């Protein structure tokens, strides 16, 4: 029996179909929202509080990374914080 080579095998076609469905669902959801009012609310927001919210979110992700590092180190895996942070981000 000949082994199939190339891109068009059943698994890659399934991944492509799922990817297309996800893109279509995302586009449908974005078109249903009122993006103009969202952007206007962001424009009117106080920049100090907006930056504070983003920094708080990033700091929370850093703490989450430390928790994962502690969990992984008890299992015997040595993973740098930067790698965990990028994965979580």
N, C-alpha and C. Protein backbone atom coordinates (compact mmCIF):
# COMPACT_ATOMS: atom_id res chain seq x y z
N UNK A 1 0.83 -1.17 0.00
CA UNK A 1 0.00 0.00 0.00
C UNK A 1 0.88 1.24 0.00
N UNK A 2 0.52 2.21 -0.78
CA UNK A 2 1.30 3.42 -0.94
C UNK A 2 0.93 4.42 0.15
N UNK A 3 1.95 5.01 0.76
CA UNK A 3 1.73 6.01 1.79
C UNK A 3 1.41 7.35 1.13
N UNK A 4 0.37 8.02 1.65
CA UNK A 4 -0.03 9.30 1.07
C UNK A 4 0.88 10.40 1.59
N UNK A 5 1.43 11.14 0.70
CA UNK A 5 2.27 12.27 1.05
C UNK A 5 1.56 13.55 0.67
N UNK A 6 1.93 14.61 1.31
CA UNK A 6 1.39 15.90 0.94
C UNK A 6 0.47 16.46 2.01
N UNK A 7 -0.14 17.56 1.68
CA UNK A 7 -0.94 18.32 2.62
C UNK A 7 -2.35 17.77 2.78
N UNK A 8 -2.92 17.20 1.75
CA UNK A 8 -4.32 16.84 1.76
C UNK A 8 -4.55 15.43 2.29
N UNK A 9 -4.37 15.24 3.58
CA UNK A 9 -4.80 14.00 4.21
C UNK A 9 -6.02 14.34 5.07
N UNK A 10 -6.65 13.34 5.64
CA UNK A 10 -7.93 13.56 6.33
C UNK A 10 -7.78 14.46 7.55
N UNK A 11 -6.67 14.34 8.25
CA UNK A 11 -6.49 15.15 9.45
C UNK A 11 -6.30 16.63 9.10
N UNK A 12 -5.51 16.93 8.10
CA UNK A 12 -5.28 18.32 7.74
C UNK A 12 -6.54 18.96 7.17
N UNK A 13 -7.34 18.20 6.45
CA UNK A 13 -8.60 18.73 5.93
C UNK A 13 -9.56 19.04 7.08
N UNK A 14 -9.59 18.17 8.08
CA UNK A 14 -10.45 18.41 9.25
C UNK A 14 -10.00 19.65 10.01
N UNK A 15 -8.71 19.83 10.18
CA UNK A 15 -8.19 21.02 10.86
C UNK A 15 -8.53 22.27 10.05
N UNK A 16 -8.42 22.19 8.74
CA UNK A 16 -8.76 23.33 7.89
C UNK A 16 -10.24 23.68 7.99
N UNK A 17 -11.10 22.70 8.02
CA UNK A 17 -12.55 22.95 8.13
C UNK A 17 -12.87 23.57 9.49
N UNK A 18 -12.27 23.06 10.55
CA UNK A 18 -12.51 23.63 11.88
C UNK A 18 -12.01 25.07 11.95
N UNK A 19 -10.85 25.33 11.37
CA UNK A 19 -10.31 26.69 11.34
C UNK A 19 -11.23 27.63 10.57
N UNK A 20 -11.75 27.19 9.45
CA UNK A 20 -12.69 28.02 8.67
C UNK A 20 -13.96 28.31 9.46
N UNK A 21 -14.48 27.30 10.17
CA UNK A 21 -15.68 27.50 10.99
C UNK A 21 -15.42 28.49 12.12
N UNK A 22 -14.24 28.41 12.74
CA UNK A 22 -13.90 29.35 13.81
C UNK A 22 -13.78 30.78 13.29
N UNK A 23 -13.17 30.94 12.14
CA UNK A 23 -13.04 32.28 11.54
C UNK A 23 -14.42 32.83 11.18
N UNK A 24 -15.28 31.99 10.63
CA UNK A 24 -16.63 32.44 10.27
C UNK A 24 -17.44 32.81 11.51
N UNK A 25 -17.32 32.02 12.58
CA UNK A 25 -18.04 32.33 13.81
C UNK A 25 -17.53 33.62 14.43
N UNK A 26 -16.23 33.83 14.41
CA UNK A 26 -15.66 35.07 14.94
C UNK A 26 -16.12 36.27 14.13
N UNK A 27 -16.12 36.15 12.83
CA UNK A 27 -16.58 37.25 11.97
C UNK A 27 -18.05 37.55 12.22
N UNK A 28 -18.86 36.50 12.37
CA UNK A 28 -20.28 36.71 12.63
C UNK A 28 -20.51 37.42 13.96
N UNK A 29 -19.78 37.01 14.99
CA UNK A 29 -19.94 37.66 16.29
C UNK A 29 -19.46 39.11 16.27
N UNK A 30 -18.37 39.38 15.57
CA UNK A 30 -17.89 40.76 15.49
C UNK A 30 -18.83 41.65 14.70
N UNK A 31 -19.46 41.12 13.67
CA UNK A 31 -20.38 41.92 12.88
C UNK A 31 -21.67 42.23 13.64
N UNK A 32 -22.01 41.39 14.61
CA UNK A 32 -23.23 41.63 15.39
C UNK A 32 -23.03 42.69 16.46
N UNK A 33 -21.79 42.94 16.85
CA UNK A 33 -21.50 43.91 17.90
C UNK A 33 -21.42 45.32 17.32
N UNK A 34 -21.63 46.27 18.19
CA UNK A 34 -21.51 47.67 17.80
C UNK A 34 -20.09 48.12 18.12
N UNK A 35 -19.18 47.93 17.18
CA UNK A 35 -17.78 48.24 17.41
C UNK A 35 -17.53 49.74 17.58
N UNK A 36 -18.34 50.54 16.94
CA UNK A 36 -18.17 52.00 17.05
C UNK A 36 -18.38 52.45 18.49
N UNK A 37 -19.39 51.93 19.16
CA UNK A 37 -19.63 52.34 20.55
C UNK A 37 -18.54 51.80 21.48
N UNK A 38 -18.00 50.63 21.18
CA UNK A 38 -16.90 50.11 21.99
C UNK A 38 -15.66 50.98 21.86
N UNK A 39 -15.34 51.36 20.62
CA UNK A 39 -14.18 52.22 20.42
C UNK A 39 -14.39 53.60 21.03
N UNK A 40 -15.61 54.11 20.98
CA UNK A 40 -15.91 55.41 21.57
C UNK A 40 -15.76 55.35 23.09
N UNK A 41 -16.20 54.25 23.71
CA UNK A 41 -16.04 54.09 25.15
C UNK A 41 -14.56 54.02 25.53
N UNK A 42 -13.76 53.35 24.72
CA UNK A 42 -12.32 53.29 24.98
C UNK A 42 -11.68 54.66 24.82
N UNK A 43 -12.15 55.42 23.85
CA UNK A 43 -11.62 56.75 23.61
C UNK A 43 -11.95 57.69 24.78
N UNK A 44 -13.13 57.54 25.36
CA UNK A 44 -13.55 58.40 26.46
C UNK A 44 -12.97 57.98 27.80
N UNK A 45 -12.45 56.77 27.91
CA UNK A 45 -11.95 56.26 29.19
C UNK A 45 -10.71 57.04 29.62
N UNK A 46 -10.55 57.14 30.94
CA UNK A 46 -9.37 57.78 31.51
C UNK A 46 -8.16 56.89 31.25
N UNK A 47 -7.13 57.45 30.64
CA UNK A 47 -5.97 56.67 30.24
C UNK A 47 -5.25 56.08 31.46
N UNK A 48 -5.27 56.78 32.59
CA UNK A 48 -4.62 56.26 33.79
C UNK A 48 -5.27 54.96 34.24
N UNK A 49 -6.59 54.94 34.29
CA UNK A 49 -7.28 53.73 34.72
C UNK A 49 -7.16 52.60 33.70
N UNK A 50 -7.11 52.97 32.44
CA UNK A 50 -6.94 51.96 31.40
C UNK A 50 -5.57 51.29 31.50
N UNK A 51 -4.52 52.08 31.69
CA UNK A 51 -3.18 51.52 31.87
C UNK A 51 -3.07 50.73 33.17
N UNK A 52 -3.72 51.22 34.22
CA UNK A 52 -3.72 50.51 35.49
C UNK A 52 -4.40 49.14 35.35
N UNK A 53 -5.47 49.08 34.60
CA UNK A 53 -6.16 47.81 34.38
C UNK A 53 -5.29 46.84 33.59
N UNK A 54 -4.61 47.32 32.56
CA UNK A 54 -3.74 46.46 31.76
C UNK A 54 -2.57 45.96 32.59
N UNK A 55 -1.95 46.84 33.38
CA UNK A 55 -0.83 46.43 34.23
C UNK A 55 -1.27 45.44 35.30
N UNK A 56 -2.46 45.64 35.87
CA UNK A 56 -2.97 44.70 36.86
C UNK A 56 -3.21 43.33 36.23
N UNK A 57 -3.73 43.31 35.02
CA UNK A 57 -3.94 42.04 34.32
C UNK A 57 -2.61 41.33 34.07
N UNK A 58 -1.60 42.06 33.60
CA UNK A 58 -0.30 41.46 33.32
C UNK A 58 0.37 40.98 34.61
N UNK A 59 0.21 41.71 35.70
CA UNK A 59 0.75 41.29 36.99
C UNK A 59 0.05 40.03 37.48
N UNK A 60 -1.25 39.94 37.26
CA UNK A 60 -1.98 38.73 37.62
C UNK A 60 -1.48 37.52 36.83
N UNK A 61 -1.18 37.73 35.55
CA UNK A 61 -0.61 36.64 34.75
C UNK A 61 0.77 36.23 35.26
N UNK A 62 1.53 37.21 35.75
CA UNK A 62 2.85 36.89 36.30
C UNK A 62 2.72 36.02 37.55
N UNK A 63 1.77 36.37 38.42
CA UNK A 63 1.54 35.54 39.61
C UNK A 63 1.07 34.14 39.23
N UNK A 64 0.24 34.06 38.20
CA UNK A 64 -0.23 32.77 37.72
C UNK A 64 0.94 31.94 37.20
N UNK A 65 1.88 32.61 36.54
CA UNK A 65 3.07 31.92 36.04
C UNK A 65 3.90 31.37 37.19
N UNK A 66 4.04 32.16 38.26
CA UNK A 66 4.78 31.67 39.43
C UNK A 66 4.10 30.45 40.05
N UNK A 67 2.78 30.47 40.08
CA UNK A 67 2.06 29.30 40.61
C UNK A 67 2.30 28.07 39.76
N UNK A 68 2.27 28.23 38.43
CA UNK A 68 2.53 27.10 37.55
C UNK A 68 3.97 26.61 37.70
N UNK A 69 4.90 27.55 37.88
CA UNK A 69 6.30 27.14 38.05
C UNK A 69 6.47 26.32 39.33
N UNK A 70 5.81 26.74 40.40
CA UNK A 70 5.87 25.99 41.65
C UNK A 70 5.26 24.60 41.47
N UNK A 71 4.14 24.52 40.78
CA UNK A 71 3.49 23.23 40.55
C UNK A 71 4.38 22.32 39.70
N UNK A 72 4.96 22.88 38.65
CA UNK A 72 5.82 22.08 37.78
C UNK A 72 7.12 21.68 38.47
N UNK A 73 7.64 22.54 39.34
CA UNK A 73 8.90 22.19 40.02
C UNK A 73 8.69 21.07 41.03
N UNK A 74 7.51 20.99 41.63
CA UNK A 74 7.25 19.86 42.53
C UNK A 74 7.12 18.55 41.77
N UNK A 75 6.81 18.66 40.47
CA UNK A 75 6.73 17.46 39.63
C UNK A 75 8.08 17.11 39.00
N UNK A 76 9.09 17.95 39.23
CA UNK A 76 10.41 17.66 38.71
C UNK A 76 10.76 18.36 37.42
N UNK A 77 9.91 19.25 36.94
CA UNK A 77 10.17 19.98 35.70
C UNK A 77 10.71 21.37 36.03
N UNK A 78 11.77 21.77 35.34
CA UNK A 78 12.36 23.10 35.53
C UNK A 78 12.04 23.93 34.28
N UNK A 79 11.06 24.81 34.42
CA UNK A 79 10.64 25.65 33.30
C UNK A 79 10.83 27.11 33.72
N UNK A 80 11.48 27.93 32.87
CA UNK A 80 11.66 29.34 33.22
C UNK A 80 10.33 30.09 33.27
N UNK A 81 10.29 31.11 34.12
CA UNK A 81 9.08 31.93 34.27
C UNK A 81 8.69 32.56 32.94
N UNK A 82 9.67 33.01 32.18
CA UNK A 82 9.38 33.67 30.91
C UNK A 82 8.63 32.75 29.96
N UNK A 83 9.03 31.48 29.91
CA UNK A 83 8.34 30.54 29.02
C UNK A 83 6.91 30.30 29.47
N UNK A 84 6.71 30.15 30.76
CA UNK A 84 5.35 29.96 31.28
C UNK A 84 4.50 31.19 31.03
N UNK A 85 5.07 32.38 31.23
CA UNK A 85 4.34 33.63 31.03
C UNK A 85 3.89 33.77 29.58
N UNK A 86 4.76 33.43 28.64
CA UNK A 86 4.41 33.53 27.22
C UNK A 86 3.31 32.53 26.87
N UNK A 87 3.37 31.35 27.46
CA UNK A 87 2.32 30.34 27.20
C UNK A 87 0.97 30.83 27.73
N UNK A 88 0.97 31.39 28.94
CA UNK A 88 -0.28 31.86 29.54
C UNK A 88 -0.81 33.09 28.81
N UNK A 89 0.10 33.95 28.39
CA UNK A 89 -0.31 35.19 27.71
C UNK A 89 -1.05 34.86 26.45
